[in-house]
Amino acid sequence: MNGELSCSALNCVHNMSGLCSANVINIIGAGAHSSMETMCNTFAPKGIKNAITHLPNMNMIGEIKQIFTKNSIQMIPIIKCEAMNCIYNIDRKCNADNIQIHGPNAENTQGTQCETFKNR
């Protein structure tokens, strides 16, 4: 990923004020032809159990930098992507400048989608 990721999945353990605190996120939807057919497989509902379980995937350095830098986004995760029909998918990694994960009412992975997806 070359750009920034913002996320509206407010119930996700990785969501920090619309930014993603995960170090690596996985977008699934291998045969997707629209954003509706994609999902953020890294989504996990907020809670102490998930916070502990997902601790190894936290972008600690990015989070610390973000605390001291309000003018730019420091939490920039690696985006692995299985959506082979997306124009931004290069070797199973997202190459978009700005990525938007949608899921304001998500309670699980199925409630999320990659709004940046564009069909080839």
N, C-alpha and C. Protein backbone atom coordinates (compact mmCIF):
# COMPACT_ATOMS: atom_id res chain seq x y z
N MET A 1 0.84 -1.17 0.00
CA MET A 1 0.00 0.00 0.00
C MET A 1 0.89 1.23 0.00
N ASN A 2 0.52 2.19 -0.81
CA ASN A 2 1.29 3.42 -0.90
C ASN A 2 0.63 4.59 -0.18
N GLY A 3 -0.62 4.44 0.20
CA GLY A 3 -1.34 5.58 0.73
C GLY A 3 -1.89 5.37 2.12
N GLU A 4 -3.00 6.02 2.38
CA GLU A 4 -3.60 6.02 3.70
C GLU A 4 -4.88 5.20 3.71
N LEU A 5 -5.19 4.64 4.87
CA LEU A 5 -6.40 3.86 5.02
C LEU A 5 -7.28 4.51 6.07
N SER A 6 -8.54 4.69 5.73
CA SER A 6 -9.51 5.15 6.72
C SER A 6 -10.61 4.11 6.80
N CYS A 7 -11.24 4.04 7.97
CA CYS A 7 -12.19 2.97 8.22
C CYS A 7 -13.39 3.49 8.99
N SER A 8 -14.58 3.10 8.54
CA SER A 8 -15.79 3.50 9.25
C SER A 8 -16.38 2.36 10.08
N ALA A 9 -15.64 1.24 10.22
CA ALA A 9 -16.09 0.12 11.05
C ALA A 9 -15.79 0.45 12.51
N LEU A 10 -16.63 1.27 13.10
CA LEU A 10 -16.39 1.81 14.44
C LEU A 10 -16.34 0.75 15.53
N ASN A 11 -16.96 -0.40 15.30
CA ASN A 11 -16.99 -1.46 16.30
C ASN A 11 -15.78 -2.38 16.20
N CYS A 12 -14.85 -2.10 15.29
CA CYS A 12 -13.68 -2.96 15.11
C CYS A 12 -12.61 -2.63 16.15
N VAL A 13 -11.98 -3.65 16.69
CA VAL A 13 -10.94 -3.48 17.70
C VAL A 13 -9.76 -2.67 17.15
N HIS A 14 -9.57 -2.65 15.83
CA HIS A 14 -8.46 -1.93 15.22
C HIS A 14 -8.80 -0.47 14.90
N ASN A 15 -10.06 -0.09 14.99
CA ASN A 15 -10.46 1.28 14.62
C ASN A 15 -10.10 2.26 15.72
N MET A 16 -9.28 3.23 15.37
CA MET A 16 -8.91 4.29 16.29
C MET A 16 -9.24 5.63 15.65
N SER A 17 -10.40 6.13 15.95
CA SER A 17 -10.88 7.42 15.41
C SER A 17 -10.87 7.43 13.89
N GLY A 18 -11.28 6.32 13.28
CA GLY A 18 -11.38 6.24 11.82
C GLY A 18 -10.11 5.77 11.14
N LEU A 19 -9.05 5.56 11.91
CA LEU A 19 -7.80 5.04 11.36
C LEU A 19 -7.68 3.57 11.76
N CYS A 20 -6.89 2.82 11.01
CA CYS A 20 -6.71 1.40 11.30
C CYS A 20 -5.40 1.18 12.03
N SER A 21 -5.48 0.59 13.23
CA SER A 21 -4.28 0.35 14.02
C SER A 21 -3.67 -1.03 13.78
N ALA A 22 -4.23 -1.79 12.84
CA ALA A 22 -3.65 -3.09 12.51
C ALA A 22 -2.36 -2.89 11.72
N ASN A 23 -1.45 -3.78 11.89
CA ASN A 23 -0.21 -3.72 11.12
C ASN A 23 -0.43 -4.28 9.72
N VAL A 24 -1.22 -5.35 9.63
CA VAL A 24 -1.55 -5.99 8.35
C VAL A 24 -3.05 -6.21 8.33
N ILE A 25 -3.72 -5.83 7.24
CA ILE A 25 -5.13 -6.17 7.09
C ILE A 25 -5.30 -7.02 5.84
N ASN A 26 -6.33 -7.83 5.85
CA ASN A 26 -6.60 -8.75 4.75
C ASN A 26 -7.98 -8.46 4.16
N ILE A 27 -8.00 -8.13 2.89
CA ILE A 27 -9.26 -7.94 2.17
C ILE A 27 -9.55 -9.23 1.41
N ILE A 28 -10.75 -9.77 1.61
CA ILE A 28 -11.13 -10.99 0.92
C ILE A 28 -12.22 -10.69 -0.10
N GLY A 29 -12.39 -11.61 -1.03
CA GLY A 29 -13.36 -11.47 -2.11
C GLY A 29 -12.68 -11.78 -3.43
N ALA A 30 -12.08 -12.96 -3.52
CA ALA A 30 -11.27 -13.34 -4.67
C ALA A 30 -11.99 -13.13 -6.01
N GLY A 31 -13.26 -13.45 -6.08
CA GLY A 31 -14.00 -13.32 -7.33
C GLY A 31 -14.85 -12.07 -7.40
N ALA A 32 -14.62 -11.10 -6.53
CA ALA A 32 -15.44 -9.89 -6.46
C ALA A 32 -15.41 -9.09 -7.75
N HIS A 33 -16.57 -8.53 -8.09
CA HIS A 33 -16.69 -7.62 -9.23
C HIS A 33 -17.23 -6.26 -8.78
N SER A 34 -17.41 -6.11 -7.46
CA SER A 34 -17.85 -4.83 -6.89
C SER A 34 -17.40 -4.78 -5.44
N SER A 35 -17.41 -3.59 -4.86
CA SER A 35 -17.00 -3.45 -3.46
C SER A 35 -17.91 -4.24 -2.53
N MET A 36 -19.18 -4.41 -2.90
CA MET A 36 -20.13 -5.15 -2.07
C MET A 36 -19.73 -6.61 -1.89
N GLU A 37 -18.87 -7.12 -2.77
CA GLU A 37 -18.45 -8.51 -2.71
C GLU A 37 -17.10 -8.68 -2.00
N THR A 38 -16.60 -7.60 -1.38
CA THR A 38 -15.34 -7.66 -0.65
C THR A 38 -15.62 -7.54 0.86
N MET A 39 -14.66 -7.94 1.67
CA MET A 39 -14.79 -7.83 3.12
C MET A 39 -13.41 -7.64 3.74
N CYS A 40 -13.38 -6.97 4.87
CA CYS A 40 -12.16 -6.84 5.65
C CYS A 40 -12.09 -8.02 6.61
N ASN A 41 -11.24 -8.97 6.31
CA ASN A 41 -11.14 -10.18 7.11
C ASN A 41 -10.37 -9.97 8.41
N THR A 42 -9.83 -8.78 8.61
CA THR A 42 -9.11 -8.46 9.83
C THR A 42 -10.06 -7.93 10.90
N PHE A 43 -11.28 -7.60 10.52
CA PHE A 43 -12.28 -7.07 11.45
C PHE A 43 -12.45 -8.01 12.64
N ALA A 44 -12.49 -7.42 13.83
CA ALA A 44 -12.83 -8.14 15.06
C ALA A 44 -13.56 -7.16 15.96
N PRO A 45 -14.70 -7.55 16.53
CA PRO A 45 -15.45 -6.64 17.38
C PRO A 45 -14.63 -6.17 18.58
N LYS A 46 -14.87 -4.93 19.00
CA LYS A 46 -14.18 -4.38 20.17
C LYS A 46 -14.51 -5.21 21.40
N GLY A 47 -13.54 -5.31 22.26
CA GLY A 47 -13.70 -6.04 23.51
C GLY A 47 -12.33 -6.47 24.00
N ILE A 48 -12.24 -6.74 25.29
CA ILE A 48 -10.95 -7.07 25.89
C ILE A 48 -10.36 -8.35 25.31
N LYS A 49 -11.21 -9.36 25.07
CA LYS A 49 -10.71 -10.63 24.52
C LYS A 49 -10.08 -10.41 23.15
N ASN A 50 -10.77 -9.69 22.25
CA ASN A 50 -10.23 -9.42 20.92
C ASN A 50 -9.03 -8.48 20.97
N ALA A 51 -9.02 -7.55 21.90
CA ALA A 51 -7.87 -6.65 22.04
C ALA A 51 -6.62 -7.45 22.37
N ILE A 52 -6.75 -8.42 23.24
CA ILE A 52 -5.61 -9.26 23.62
C ILE A 52 -5.24 -10.22 22.48
N THR A 53 -6.24 -10.85 21.89
CA THR A 53 -6.01 -11.80 20.80
C THR A 53 -5.32 -11.15 19.61
N HIS A 54 -5.69 -9.91 19.29
CA HIS A 54 -5.17 -9.22 18.11
C HIS A 54 -3.96 -8.34 18.41
N LEU A 55 -3.47 -8.38 19.64
CA LEU A 55 -2.30 -7.58 20.01
C LEU A 55 -1.08 -7.81 19.10
N PRO A 56 -0.79 -9.05 18.68
CA PRO A 56 0.37 -9.24 17.79
C PRO A 56 0.26 -8.52 16.44
N ASN A 57 -0.96 -8.15 16.03
CA ASN A 57 -1.14 -7.46 14.75
C ASN A 57 -1.29 -5.95 14.92
N MET A 58 -1.02 -5.43 16.09
CA MET A 58 -1.15 -3.99 16.30
C MET A 58 0.08 -3.26 15.77
N ASN A 59 -0.15 -2.12 15.15
CA ASN A 59 0.91 -1.28 14.61
C ASN A 59 1.36 -0.32 15.72
N MET A 60 2.10 -0.85 16.68
CA MET A 60 2.49 -0.07 17.86
C MET A 60 3.31 1.18 17.49
N ILE A 61 4.26 1.04 16.60
CA ILE A 61 5.09 2.18 16.20
C ILE A 61 4.22 3.26 15.56
N GLY A 62 3.33 2.85 14.66
CA GLY A 62 2.42 3.80 14.02
C GLY A 62 1.51 4.49 15.01
N GLU A 63 1.02 3.73 16.01
CA GLU A 63 0.16 4.31 17.03
C GLU A 63 0.90 5.36 17.86
N ILE A 64 2.12 5.06 18.25
CA ILE A 64 2.91 6.01 19.04
C ILE A 64 3.20 7.26 18.22
N LYS A 65 3.60 7.08 16.97
CA LYS A 65 3.86 8.23 16.09
C LYS A 65 2.60 9.07 15.92
N GLN A 66 1.43 8.40 15.81
CA GLN A 66 0.17 9.10 15.59
C GLN A 66 -0.18 10.00 16.77
N ILE A 67 0.14 9.57 17.96
CA ILE A 67 -0.13 10.37 19.16
C ILE A 67 0.56 11.73 19.08
N PHE A 68 1.78 11.74 18.54
CA PHE A 68 2.57 12.96 18.48
C PHE A 68 2.47 13.70 17.15
N THR A 69 1.78 13.12 16.17
CA THR A 69 1.66 13.75 14.85
C THR A 69 0.20 13.87 14.48
N LYS A 70 -0.34 15.04 14.59
CA LYS A 70 -1.74 15.27 14.26
C LYS A 70 -1.93 15.73 12.80
N ASN A 71 -0.85 16.12 12.14
CA ASN A 71 -0.95 16.68 10.79
C ASN A 71 -0.89 15.64 9.68
N SER A 72 -0.51 14.41 10.00
CA SER A 72 -0.45 13.37 8.98
C SER A 72 -0.82 12.03 9.60
N ILE A 73 -1.14 11.09 8.75
CA ILE A 73 -1.51 9.76 9.22
C ILE A 73 -0.26 8.89 9.27
N GLN A 74 0.02 8.36 10.45
CA GLN A 74 1.20 7.52 10.66
C GLN A 74 0.85 6.04 10.70
N MET A 75 -0.40 5.71 10.97
CA MET A 75 -0.82 4.31 11.04
C MET A 75 -1.21 3.84 9.65
N ILE A 76 -0.23 3.37 8.92
CA ILE A 76 -0.46 2.93 7.54
C ILE A 76 -0.19 1.42 7.48
N PRO A 77 -1.26 0.61 7.51
CA PRO A 77 -1.07 -0.84 7.51
C PRO A 77 -0.70 -1.39 6.13
N ILE A 78 -0.17 -2.59 6.15
CA ILE A 78 0.04 -3.33 4.91
C ILE A 78 -1.31 -3.92 4.54
N ILE A 79 -1.72 -3.78 3.29
CA ILE A 79 -3.02 -4.29 2.87
C ILE A 79 -2.81 -5.46 1.92
N LYS A 80 -3.12 -6.65 2.42
CA LYS A 80 -3.11 -7.83 1.57
C LYS A 80 -4.50 -7.95 0.97
N CYS A 81 -4.56 -8.28 -0.31
CA CYS A 81 -5.85 -8.27 -0.99
C CYS A 81 -6.02 -9.50 -1.88
N GLU A 82 -7.15 -10.16 -1.69
CA GLU A 82 -7.50 -11.32 -2.51
C GLU A 82 -8.45 -10.95 -3.66
N ALA A 83 -8.87 -9.70 -3.74
CA ALA A 83 -9.81 -9.26 -4.79
C ALA A 83 -9.05 -9.13 -6.11
N MET A 84 -8.92 -10.24 -6.81
CA MET A 84 -8.09 -10.31 -8.01
C MET A 84 -8.60 -9.43 -9.16
N ASN A 85 -9.88 -9.07 -9.15
CA ASN A 85 -10.44 -8.24 -10.21
C ASN A 85 -10.31 -6.74 -9.97
N CYS A 86 -9.69 -6.36 -8.87
CA CYS A 86 -9.54 -4.94 -8.54
C CYS A 86 -8.32 -4.36 -9.25
N ILE A 87 -8.46 -3.17 -9.80
CA ILE A 87 -7.35 -2.54 -10.52
C ILE A 87 -6.19 -2.19 -9.59
N TYR A 88 -6.44 -2.09 -8.30
CA TYR A 88 -5.39 -1.72 -7.35
C TYR A 88 -4.63 -2.94 -6.81
N ASN A 89 -5.08 -4.14 -7.15
CA ASN A 89 -4.44 -5.35 -6.66
C ASN A 89 -3.23 -5.67 -7.54
N ILE A 90 -2.05 -5.56 -6.93
CA ILE A 90 -0.80 -5.90 -7.62
C ILE A 90 -0.09 -6.93 -6.76
N ASP A 91 -0.01 -8.15 -7.28
CA ASP A 91 0.62 -9.25 -6.55
C ASP A 91 0.01 -9.46 -5.17
N ARG A 92 -1.32 -9.38 -5.11
CA ARG A 92 -2.09 -9.61 -3.87
C ARG A 92 -1.86 -8.55 -2.79
N LYS A 93 -1.44 -7.37 -3.22
CA LYS A 93 -1.29 -6.24 -2.30
C LYS A 93 -2.00 -5.04 -2.91
N CYS A 94 -2.59 -4.20 -2.04
CA CYS A 94 -3.30 -3.02 -2.51
C CYS A 94 -2.31 -1.90 -2.83
N ASN A 95 -2.49 -1.30 -3.99
CA ASN A 95 -1.60 -0.24 -4.45
C ASN A 95 -2.34 1.10 -4.58
N ALA A 96 -3.52 1.22 -3.99
CA ALA A 96 -4.29 2.47 -4.07
C ALA A 96 -3.68 3.52 -3.15
N ASP A 97 -3.85 4.78 -3.53
CA ASP A 97 -3.32 5.89 -2.72
C ASP A 97 -4.12 6.09 -1.43
N ASN A 98 -5.43 5.91 -1.51
CA ASN A 98 -6.30 6.09 -0.35
C ASN A 98 -7.31 4.96 -0.33
N ILE A 99 -7.39 4.27 0.79
CA ILE A 99 -8.27 3.12 0.91
C ILE A 99 -9.34 3.44 1.95
N GLN A 100 -10.58 3.09 1.62
CA GLN A 100 -11.70 3.32 2.51
C GLN A 100 -12.38 1.99 2.80
N ILE A 101 -12.37 1.58 4.06
CA ILE A 101 -13.10 0.39 4.49
C ILE A 101 -14.42 0.88 5.09
N HIS A 102 -15.51 0.32 4.60
CA HIS A 102 -16.85 0.73 5.02
C HIS A 102 -17.44 -0.34 5.93
N GLY A 103 -18.12 0.09 6.96
CA GLY A 103 -18.76 -0.85 7.87
C GLY A 103 -19.22 -0.20 9.15
N PRO A 104 -19.93 0.94 9.06
CA PRO A 104 -20.30 1.67 10.28
C PRO A 104 -21.17 0.86 11.25
N ASN A 105 -21.93 -0.11 10.76
CA ASN A 105 -22.77 -0.92 11.63
C ASN A 105 -22.28 -2.37 11.73
N ALA A 106 -21.06 -2.61 11.29
CA ALA A 106 -20.52 -3.98 11.25
C ALA A 106 -20.40 -4.59 12.64
N GLU A 107 -20.79 -5.85 12.71
CA GLU A 107 -20.61 -6.63 13.93
C GLU A 107 -19.71 -7.82 13.65
N ASN A 108 -19.41 -8.04 12.37
CA ASN A 108 -18.51 -9.12 11.95
C ASN A 108 -17.94 -8.77 10.58
N THR A 109 -17.10 -9.62 10.07
CA THR A 109 -16.44 -9.39 8.77
C THR A 109 -17.45 -9.12 7.67
N GLN A 110 -18.57 -9.83 7.66
CA GLN A 110 -19.57 -9.69 6.60
C GLN A 110 -20.18 -8.29 6.54
N GLY A 111 -20.04 -7.51 7.58
CA GLY A 111 -20.59 -6.16 7.61
C GLY A 111 -19.64 -5.10 7.08
N THR A 112 -18.49 -5.54 6.55
CA THR A 112 -17.48 -4.61 6.05
C THR A 112 -17.30 -4.78 4.55
N GLN A 113 -16.74 -3.77 3.91
CA GLN A 113 -16.39 -3.87 2.49
C GLN A 113 -15.35 -2.84 2.14
N CYS A 114 -14.60 -3.11 1.10
CA CYS A 114 -13.58 -2.17 0.63
C CYS A 114 -14.23 -1.26 -0.41
N GLU A 115 -14.47 -0.03 -0.02
CA GLU A 115 -15.10 0.96 -0.91
C GLU A 115 -14.18 1.41 -2.03
N THR A 116 -12.90 1.13 -1.90
CA THR A 116 -11.92 1.56 -2.91
C THR A 116 -11.90 0.64 -4.11
N PHE A 117 -12.47 -0.55 -3.97
CA PHE A 117 -12.47 -1.54 -5.05
C PHE A 117 -12.96 -0.93 -6.37
N LYS A 118 -12.20 -1.18 -7.43
CA LYS A 118 -12.62 -0.82 -8.79
C LYS A 118 -12.35 -2.01 -9.69
N ASN A 119 -13.38 -2.43 -10.39
CA ASN A 119 -13.29 -3.59 -11.26
C ASN A 119 -12.36 -3.30 -12.45
N ARG A 120 -11.57 -4.28 -12.82
CA ARG A 120 -10.67 -4.14 -13.99
C ARG A 120 -11.45 -3.99 -15.26
